[in-house]
């Protein structure tokens, strides 16, 4: 049966019109593979790229690592493009030029250019965004582009670009239905961003054999945390040591949490690997670290503490942060909203001991769990929660009990945090 495509875009379409149309155009939210995206990129004359490209993959920490790399290169005087996903409040967050979100008009221009060349090729919502980022970076003639992988690595649309340096943040059990059931298979997919003879950095201290094997097969200069670079924390400062460089007395990253220091160490290893092609000094590194911000990552907003933690590894990072908070500022109430394909039970088991009450907030279908469904999945592993229709209802319930300076913790999904941010 032939699928009927929606009506063609109109010349006066606004950004909301484009995004709604892209969401209807392809019935598959995820359709891994490079051929379709590469074909349209070639028609747009986006390949090969002139910019130095850093591709970032991993289970957690991709967004903050990409943002930091972009901030440092911009502080060093380069023209920089940064592509990340998903967004929290506005689609424009996904594509930044020199630290600023691109405006609606520029995105509409990019989408119109893609549509002129797409013709019969079917693209997903994510693939449209990837091509738009590449088109805007090409037009702006950026010196450096930092591209965050959306899912996996090997077959993600971002991987049509040959990275000058690849960065793997960590490798955890997420998206197992797409990437495989264990860290070895997931690591193999993420190592798909490696390129023959080019450097790669891995921050995960427990490197799967599949990653080191892929690096050896491609003659990749693999730089590993604890082997080729390291860091030490010194109260409010930290020191980074690489193969050829030492950066003492660095400021802590602008984002809170010990994990951000580890993520930053990986970014500095990337900078060292590319130092000949794109020199960066310690002044730029320090400025990028201080200026690092990213919404929804341990962000204090009104009476809330927001974090997009949505899998077991991210939940453990959140626990590590909660463990060192003063008693007077320790959150007592948790609003949790999660997607059905996420490890609800593992996340709940890690977080629940830190809170007096847990509110199960419903998220919209088809992927979001209702408050009742989330409550039942938590109850199956012995975790008590109060089912709430949605995030605003959960916040209202939590606020009836919360007093003092301690914030209400909100996490579980970008959707959860976005909804909380809007009703803070």
Protein backbone atom coordinates (compact mmCIF):
# COMPACT_ATOMS: atom_id res chain seq x y z
CA UNK A 1 0.00 0.00 0.00
CA UNK A 2 1.43 3.40 -0.99
CA UNK A 3 1.77 5.92 1.82
CA UNK A 4 0.20 9.32 1.07
CA UNK A 5 2.60 12.14 1.80
CA UNK A 6 1.25 15.31 3.44
CA UNK A 7 0.87 18.43 1.30
CA UNK A 8 4.04 20.17 0.24
CA UNK A 9 5.51 22.94 2.40
CA UNK A 10 4.29 26.49 1.83
CA UNK A 11 6.57 29.47 1.23
CA UNK A 12 5.17 31.34 4.23
CA UNK A 13 5.50 28.48 6.73
CA UNK A 14 6.76 29.33 10.21
CA UNK A 15 9.04 27.07 12.25
CA UNK A 16 6.10 25.42 14.05
CA UNK A 17 4.58 24.53 10.67
CA UNK A 18 7.82 22.93 9.46
CA UNK A 19 8.24 20.87 12.63
CA UNK A 20 4.64 19.65 12.64
CA UNK A 21 4.94 18.64 8.98
CA UNK A 22 8.23 16.80 9.54
CA UNK A 23 6.64 14.88 12.38
CA UNK A 24 3.86 13.68 10.05
CA UNK A 25 6.01 13.05 6.99
CA UNK A 26 7.74 9.88 8.14
CA UNK A 27 5.80 7.42 10.35
CA UNK A 28 9.05 6.21 11.93
CA UNK A 29 10.37 8.34 14.81
CA UNK A 30 13.61 6.39 14.52
CA UNK A 31 14.88 4.94 11.24
CA UNK A 32 18.56 4.14 11.55
CA UNK A 33 20.73 4.23 8.43
CA UNK A 34 22.97 6.67 6.59
CA UNK A 35 22.06 6.29 2.92
CA UNK A 36 19.05 8.62 2.82
CA UNK A 37 20.67 11.41 4.84
CA UNK A 38 23.94 11.12 2.91
CA UNK A 39 22.14 11.32 -0.43
CA UNK A 40 20.38 14.56 0.49
CA UNK A 41 23.58 15.98 2.01
CA UNK A 42 25.39 15.31 -1.27
CA UNK A 43 22.63 17.04 -3.23
CA UNK A 44 23.04 20.02 -0.89
CA UNK A 45 26.82 19.92 -1.51
CA UNK A 46 27.53 19.53 2.19
CA UNK A 47 30.06 16.69 1.75
CA UNK A 48 32.93 16.60 2.37
CA UNK A 49 33.07 19.22 5.11
CA UNK A 50 35.83 21.77 5.52
CA UNK A 51 35.28 22.34 9.25
CA UNK A 52 37.14 20.41 11.92
CA UNK A 53 34.52 17.97 13.19
CA UNK A 54 34.16 16.51 16.68
CA UNK A 55 31.52 13.80 16.97
CA UNK A 56 30.27 12.95 20.47
CA UNK A 57 28.60 9.64 21.34
CA UNK A 58 27.80 7.92 24.63
CA UNK A 59 24.96 6.97 26.92
CA UNK A 60 25.18 10.04 29.19
CA UNK A 61 27.14 13.28 29.21
CA UNK A 62 27.00 13.89 25.46
CA UNK A 63 25.18 17.21 25.66
CA UNK A 64 27.38 18.77 28.32
CA UNK A 65 30.56 17.51 26.61
CA UNK A 66 29.45 18.92 23.25
CA UNK A 67 28.51 22.25 24.84
CA UNK A 68 31.87 22.49 26.62
CA UNK A 69 33.89 21.68 23.51
CA UNK A 70 31.98 24.34 21.56
CA UNK A 71 32.42 26.91 24.36
CA UNK A 72 36.17 26.36 24.56
CA UNK A 73 36.77 26.62 20.81
CA UNK A 74 34.62 29.74 20.64
CA UNK A 75 36.61 31.28 23.53
CA UNK A 76 39.76 30.45 21.55
CA UNK A 77 38.53 32.64 18.69
CA UNK A 78 37.09 30.07 16.29
CA UNK A 79 33.74 30.18 14.52
CA UNK A 80 31.87 27.23 16.07
CA UNK A 81 28.70 25.30 15.32
CA UNK A 82 27.17 22.93 17.87
CA UNK A 83 24.39 20.41 17.23
CA UNK A 84 22.73 18.58 20.12
CA UNK A 85 19.45 16.81 20.85
CA UNK A 86 16.84 16.60 22.16
CA UNK A 87 15.82 20.12 23.13
CA UNK A 88 14.23 21.09 26.43
CA UNK A 89 12.02 24.10 25.73
CA UNK A 90 12.67 25.29 22.16
CA UNK A 91 13.72 23.37 19.06
CA UNK A 92 16.28 26.13 18.37
CA UNK A 93 18.33 24.84 21.32
CA UNK A 94 19.53 22.02 19.08
CA UNK A 95 21.59 24.22 16.75
CA UNK A 96 23.92 26.94 18.00
CA UNK A 97 26.37 29.22 16.20
CA UNK A 98 29.03 30.85 18.37
CA UNK A 99 27.08 30.05 21.51
CA UNK A 100 23.75 31.45 20.31
CA UNK A 101 20.67 29.48 19.29
CA UNK A 102 19.90 29.97 15.60
CA UNK A 103 16.72 32.00 15.02
CA UNK A 104 13.48 30.64 13.58
CA UNK A 105 14.08 32.28 10.20
CA UNK A 106 17.44 30.57 9.70
CA UNK A 107 15.93 27.19 10.52
CA UNK A 108 13.09 27.78 8.05
CA UNK A 109 15.65 28.66 5.36
CA UNK A 110 17.54 25.46 6.08
CA UNK A 111 14.41 23.32 5.94
CA UNK A 112 13.36 24.94 2.66
CA UNK A 113 16.78 24.21 1.17
CA UNK A 114 16.54 20.58 2.28
CA UNK A 115 13.08 20.25 0.80
CA UNK A 116 14.22 21.56 -2.58
CA UNK A 117 16.78 18.76 -2.81
CA UNK A 118 15.04 15.95 -0.92
CA UNK A 119 12.58 15.07 -3.68
CA UNK A 120 11.64 11.39 -3.27
CA UNK A 121 13.90 10.66 -0.29
CA UNK A 122 12.07 10.04 3.00
CA UNK A 123 13.62 11.67 6.08
CA UNK A 124 12.83 11.43 9.79
CA UNK A 125 12.36 14.38 12.12
CA UNK A 126 15.89 13.88 13.48
CA UNK A 127 17.41 13.62 10.02
CA UNK A 128 15.83 16.93 8.99
CA UNK A 129 17.41 18.55 12.04
CA UNK A 130 20.82 17.02 11.35
CA UNK A 131 20.83 18.23 7.75
CA UNK A 132 19.62 21.67 8.85
CA UNK A 133 22.53 21.94 11.29
CA UNK A 134 25.05 20.91 8.66
CA UNK A 135 23.54 23.33 6.11
CA UNK A 136 23.67 26.24 8.57
CA UNK A 137 27.23 25.42 9.65
CA UNK A 138 28.30 25.18 6.00
CA UNK A 139 26.71 28.54 5.18
CA UNK A 140 28.34 30.15 8.21
CA UNK A 141 31.73 28.65 7.24
CA UNK A 142 32.44 27.49 10.78
CA UNK A 143 35.96 26.48 11.72
CA UNK A 144 34.82 23.79 14.17
CA UNK A 145 31.58 21.84 14.37
CA UNK A 146 30.61 19.68 17.34
CA UNK A 147 27.98 17.05 16.55
CA UNK A 148 26.15 15.04 19.20
CA UNK A 149 24.96 11.59 18.15
CA UNK A 150 21.25 11.06 18.68
CA UNK A 151 21.19 7.27 19.05
CA UNK A 152 24.08 4.81 18.99
CA UNK A 153 26.65 5.99 16.50
CA UNK A 154 27.28 3.69 13.56
CA UNK A 155 23.90 4.25 11.89
CA UNK A 156 23.02 7.65 13.34
CA UNK A 157 22.49 10.43 10.79
CA UNK A 158 25.35 12.46 12.31
CA UNK A 159 27.75 9.72 11.21
CA UNK A 160 27.60 10.77 7.55
CA UNK A 161 30.35 13.19 8.59
CA UNK A 162 33.88 11.87 9.08
CA UNK A 163 34.93 13.02 12.52
CA UNK A 164 38.42 14.48 12.91
CA UNK A 165 38.16 13.30 16.51
CA UNK A 166 35.51 11.07 18.10
CA UNK A 167 34.54 11.32 21.77
CA UNK A 168 32.85 8.50 23.70
CA UNK A 169 31.57 9.70 27.07
CA UNK A 170 30.36 6.46 28.64
CA UNK A 171 28.71 3.21 27.61
CA UNK A 172 25.64 2.13 29.55
CA UNK A 173 22.57 0.00 29.06
CA UNK A 174 20.13 2.25 27.23
CA UNK A 175 18.22 1.84 23.94
CA UNK A 176 18.95 -1.88 24.15
CA UNK A 177 16.14 -2.63 21.69
CA UNK A 178 18.09 -0.72 19.03
CA UNK A 179 21.73 -1.13 20.05
CA UNK A 180 21.96 -4.58 21.61
CA UNK A 181 21.53 -6.24 25.01
CA UNK A 182 24.93 -5.61 26.61
CA UNK A 183 27.80 -3.12 26.84
CA UNK A 184 29.86 -5.01 24.25
CA UNK A 185 27.21 -4.71 21.55
CA UNK A 186 26.37 -1.13 22.53
CA UNK A 187 30.06 -0.20 22.55
CA UNK A 188 30.44 -1.66 19.05
CA UNK A 189 27.63 0.57 17.77
CA UNK A 190 29.03 3.68 19.43
CA UNK A 191 32.54 2.98 18.13
CA UNK A 192 31.03 3.27 14.66
CA UNK A 193 31.90 7.00 14.79
CA UNK A 194 35.64 6.15 14.70
CA UNK A 195 37.50 6.92 11.48
CA UNK A 196 40.60 5.23 10.10
CA UNK A 197 43.82 6.79 11.37
CA UNK A 198 42.09 9.57 13.29
CA UNK A 199 42.13 10.08 17.07
CA UNK A 200 39.34 9.07 19.44
CA UNK A 201 38.83 9.67 23.15
CA UNK A 202 37.04 7.38 25.59
CA UNK A 203 36.09 8.63 29.07
CA UNK A 204 34.49 5.39 30.28
CA UNK A 205 36.99 3.81 32.70
CA UNK A 206 35.65 0.30 31.94
CA UNK A 207 36.15 0.15 28.20
CA UNK A 208 34.32 -2.68 26.44
CA UNK A 209 36.57 -4.94 24.37
CA UNK A 210 34.46 -4.13 21.31
CA UNK A 211 35.59 -0.49 21.47
CA UNK A 212 39.30 -1.23 21.73
CA UNK A 213 38.96 -3.84 18.97
CA UNK A 214 37.25 -1.33 16.67
CA UNK A 215 40.00 1.18 17.40
CA UNK A 216 42.74 -1.33 16.61
CA UNK A 217 41.05 -2.44 13.38
CA UNK A 218 40.89 1.17 12.17
CA UNK A 219 44.36 2.18 13.38
CA UNK A 220 42.70 4.75 15.64
CA UNK A 221 44.81 6.66 18.15
CA UNK A 222 42.60 5.81 21.13
CA UNK A 223 43.11 8.05 24.16
CA UNK A 224 41.74 6.54 27.38
CA UNK A 225 41.00 8.05 30.76
CA UNK A 226 43.51 6.76 33.29
CA UNK A 227 45.92 5.69 30.56
CA UNK A 228 46.52 8.61 28.21
CA UNK A 229 45.00 11.40 30.28
CA UNK A 230 43.94 11.90 33.90
CA UNK A 231 42.66 14.51 36.30
CA UNK A 232 42.78 15.31 40.00
CA UNK A 233 40.29 17.40 41.96
CA UNK A 234 41.71 20.04 44.33
CA UNK A 235 38.83 21.64 46.30
CA UNK A 236 37.52 24.40 44.01
CA UNK A 237 40.12 23.69 41.31
CA UNK A 238 41.27 20.71 39.31
CA UNK A 239 44.30 19.65 37.31
CA UNK A 240 44.33 17.86 33.94
CA UNK A 241 47.27 15.85 32.58
CA UNK A 242 47.54 14.50 29.05
CA UNK A 243 50.23 13.09 26.83
CA UNK A 244 51.83 16.44 26.05
CA UNK A 245 50.07 18.99 28.23
CA UNK A 246 49.34 19.78 31.86
CA UNK A 247 46.65 22.28 32.81
CA UNK A 248 46.90 23.09 36.55
CA UNK A 249 44.43 25.06 38.65
CA UNK A 250 41.53 24.91 36.22
CA UNK A 251 38.16 26.31 37.34
CA UNK A 252 35.42 23.77 37.92
CA UNK A 253 32.86 23.43 35.13
CA UNK A 254 29.90 25.79 35.36
CA UNK A 255 27.58 22.78 35.57
CA UNK A 256 27.47 21.17 39.05
CA UNK A 257 28.30 17.55 39.80
CA UNK A 258 31.54 15.58 39.96
CA UNK A 259 30.67 13.83 36.68
CA UNK A 260 31.10 17.15 34.87
CA UNK A 261 34.79 17.20 35.81
CA UNK A 262 35.19 13.75 34.25
CA UNK A 263 33.30 14.82 31.15
CA UNK A 264 35.49 17.93 30.93
CA UNK A 265 38.61 15.76 31.15
CA UNK A 266 37.45 13.94 28.02
CA UNK A 267 36.88 17.21 26.19
CA UNK A 268 40.40 18.38 27.05
CA UNK A 269 41.76 15.11 25.65
CA UNK A 270 39.95 15.92 22.39
CA UNK A 271 41.46 19.41 22.38
CA UNK A 272 44.93 17.96 22.91
CA UNK A 273 44.40 15.48 20.07
CA UNK A 274 43.47 18.35 17.71
CA UNK A 275 45.95 20.88 19.08
CA UNK A 276 48.08 21.03 15.93
CA UNK A 277 45.13 21.71 13.63
CA UNK A 278 43.17 23.94 16.05
CA UNK A 279 45.41 25.38 18.78
CA UNK A 280 43.75 26.27 22.10
CA UNK A 281 45.40 27.85 25.15
CA UNK A 282 44.60 27.46 28.84
CA UNK A 283 42.92 30.87 29.01
CA UNK A 284 40.27 29.71 26.51
CA UNK A 285 39.87 26.41 28.35
CA UNK A 286 39.28 28.19 31.65
CA UNK A 287 36.78 30.59 30.08
CA UNK A 288 34.85 27.74 28.44
CA UNK A 289 34.70 25.83 31.73
CA UNK A 290 33.40 28.83 33.67
CA UNK A 291 30.76 29.67 31.06
CA UNK A 292 29.41 26.12 30.66
CA UNK A 293 25.65 26.05 31.11
CA UNK A 294 23.01 23.62 29.94
CA UNK A 295 19.34 23.69 30.96
CA UNK A 296 17.95 20.69 32.81
CA UNK A 297 21.26 19.43 34.18
CA UNK A 298 21.10 19.80 37.97
CA UNK A 299 19.47 23.16 37.32
CA UNK A 300 17.93 25.08 40.23
CA UNK A 301 14.76 26.76 38.92
CA UNK A 302 12.41 28.46 41.39
CA UNK A 303 11.60 25.82 44.05
CA UNK A 304 12.75 22.95 41.82
CA UNK A 305 15.94 21.02 41.12
CA UNK A 306 15.71 19.81 37.53
CA UNK A 307 17.69 16.99 35.96
CA UNK A 308 17.00 15.01 32.79
CA UNK A 309 18.37 11.75 34.27
CA UNK A 310 16.47 8.95 32.53
CA UNK A 311 18.56 5.80 32.88
CA UNK A 312 20.43 3.93 35.61
CA UNK A 313 23.82 5.52 34.93
CA UNK A 314 22.37 9.03 35.04
CA UNK A 315 20.39 8.17 38.18
CA UNK A 316 23.59 7.03 39.89
CA UNK A 317 25.25 10.32 38.93
CA UNK A 318 22.30 12.14 40.47
CA UNK A 319 22.62 10.07 43.67
CA UNK A 320 26.33 10.98 43.86
CA UNK A 321 25.32 14.63 43.75
CA UNK A 322 22.54 14.24 46.34
CA UNK A 323 24.88 12.44 48.71
CA UNK A 324 27.09 15.50 49.23
CA UNK A 325 24.36 18.11 49.65
CA UNK A 326 23.89 19.84 53.03
CA UNK A 327 20.99 18.47 55.04
CA UNK A 328 19.18 21.80 54.89
CA UNK A 329 19.22 21.73 51.06
CA UNK A 330 18.56 18.01 50.57
CA UNK A 331 15.46 17.37 48.48
CA UNK A 332 12.79 15.37 50.30
CA UNK A 333 10.24 15.04 47.51
CA UNK A 334 10.74 13.52 44.06
CA UNK A 335 8.58 14.07 40.98
CA UNK A 336 9.43 11.30 38.53
CA UNK A 337 8.06 10.95 35.00
CA UNK A 338 9.45 8.35 32.60
CA UNK A 339 9.07 6.83 29.17
CA UNK A 340 7.89 3.24 28.86
CA UNK A 341 11.09 1.99 27.23
CA UNK A 342 13.37 3.26 30.01
CA UNK A 343 14.64 1.22 33.01
CA UNK A 344 12.00 2.48 35.43
CA UNK A 345 12.71 -0.13 38.08
CA UNK A 346 16.46 0.48 38.17
CA UNK A 347 16.05 4.27 38.28
CA UNK A 348 13.44 4.00 41.03
CA UNK A 349 15.60 1.66 43.10
CA UNK A 350 18.53 4.09 42.97
CA UNK A 351 16.57 7.26 43.71
CA UNK A 352 13.81 6.25 46.11
CA UNK A 353 15.99 5.83 49.25
CA UNK A 354 16.86 9.54 49.08
CA UNK A 355 13.31 10.87 49.25
CA UNK A 356 10.42 10.79 51.71
CA UNK A 357 7.76 10.86 49.00
CA UNK A 358 7.79 9.94 45.34
CA UNK A 359 5.19 11.29 42.91
CA UNK A 360 4.68 9.31 39.69
CA UNK A 361 3.85 11.91 37.04
CA UNK A 362 2.09 10.87 33.85
CA UNK A 363 3.70 11.70 30.49
CA UNK A 364 1.89 11.86 27.15
CA UNK A 365 1.52 8.77 24.95
CA UNK A 366 2.62 6.93 22.95
CA UNK A 367 6.00 6.58 24.72
CA UNK A 368 5.15 8.23 28.02
CA UNK A 369 3.97 6.19 30.99
CA UNK A 370 0.77 7.29 32.70
CA UNK A 371 1.04 8.06 36.40
CA UNK A 372 -0.79 4.82 37.25
CA UNK A 373 1.42 2.69 34.98
CA UNK A 374 4.57 4.24 36.43
CA UNK A 375 3.26 3.69 39.96
CA UNK A 376 2.56 0.03 39.20
CA UNK A 377 6.00 -0.60 37.72
CA UNK A 378 7.60 0.94 40.79
CA UNK A 379 5.31 -1.01 43.13
CA UNK A 380 6.40 -4.26 41.45
CA UNK A 381 9.88 -3.71 42.92
CA UNK A 382 8.64 -2.52 46.30
CA UNK A 383 8.73 1.25 45.73
CA UNK A 384 5.76 3.29 46.93
CA UNK A 385 4.65 6.24 44.82
CA UNK A 386 1.62 8.48 44.48
CA UNK A 387 0.15 8.37 40.97
CA UNK A 388 -0.52 11.80 39.42
CA UNK A 389 -2.16 12.62 36.12
CA UNK A 390 0.70 14.77 34.85
CA UNK A 391 3.71 16.81 35.94
CA UNK A 392 1.74 19.89 37.06
CA UNK A 393 -0.47 17.68 39.24
CA UNK A 394 2.58 15.97 40.73
CA UNK A 395 4.21 19.33 41.50
CA UNK A 396 1.03 20.57 43.12
CA UNK A 397 0.92 17.50 45.35
CA UNK A 398 4.60 17.82 46.29
CA UNK A 399 4.26 21.52 47.08
CA UNK A 400 1.57 20.85 49.66
CA UNK A 401 4.23 19.13 51.77
CA UNK A 402 7.46 20.88 50.83
CA UNK A 403 8.60 23.62 53.22
CA UNK A 404 11.92 25.32 53.80
CA UNK A 405 14.78 25.93 51.39
CA UNK A 406 15.09 22.41 50.01
CA UNK A 407 13.97 22.14 46.37
CA UNK A 408 11.63 19.53 44.92
CA UNK A 409 13.59 17.10 42.74
CA UNK A 410 12.22 16.60 39.21
CA UNK A 411 13.73 14.06 36.81
CA UNK A 412 13.14 11.06 34.55
CA UNK A 413 12.91 12.54 31.06
CA UNK A 414 13.39 15.70 29.01
CA UNK A 415 9.58 15.78 28.81
CA UNK A 416 9.27 15.73 32.60
CA UNK A 417 11.77 18.52 33.11
CA UNK A 418 10.32 20.65 30.31
CA UNK A 419 6.83 20.39 31.79
CA UNK A 420 8.12 21.29 35.27
CA UNK A 421 10.12 24.21 33.93
CA UNK A 422 7.01 25.66 32.33
CA UNK A 423 4.94 25.55 35.51
CA UNK A 424 7.58 26.55 38.06
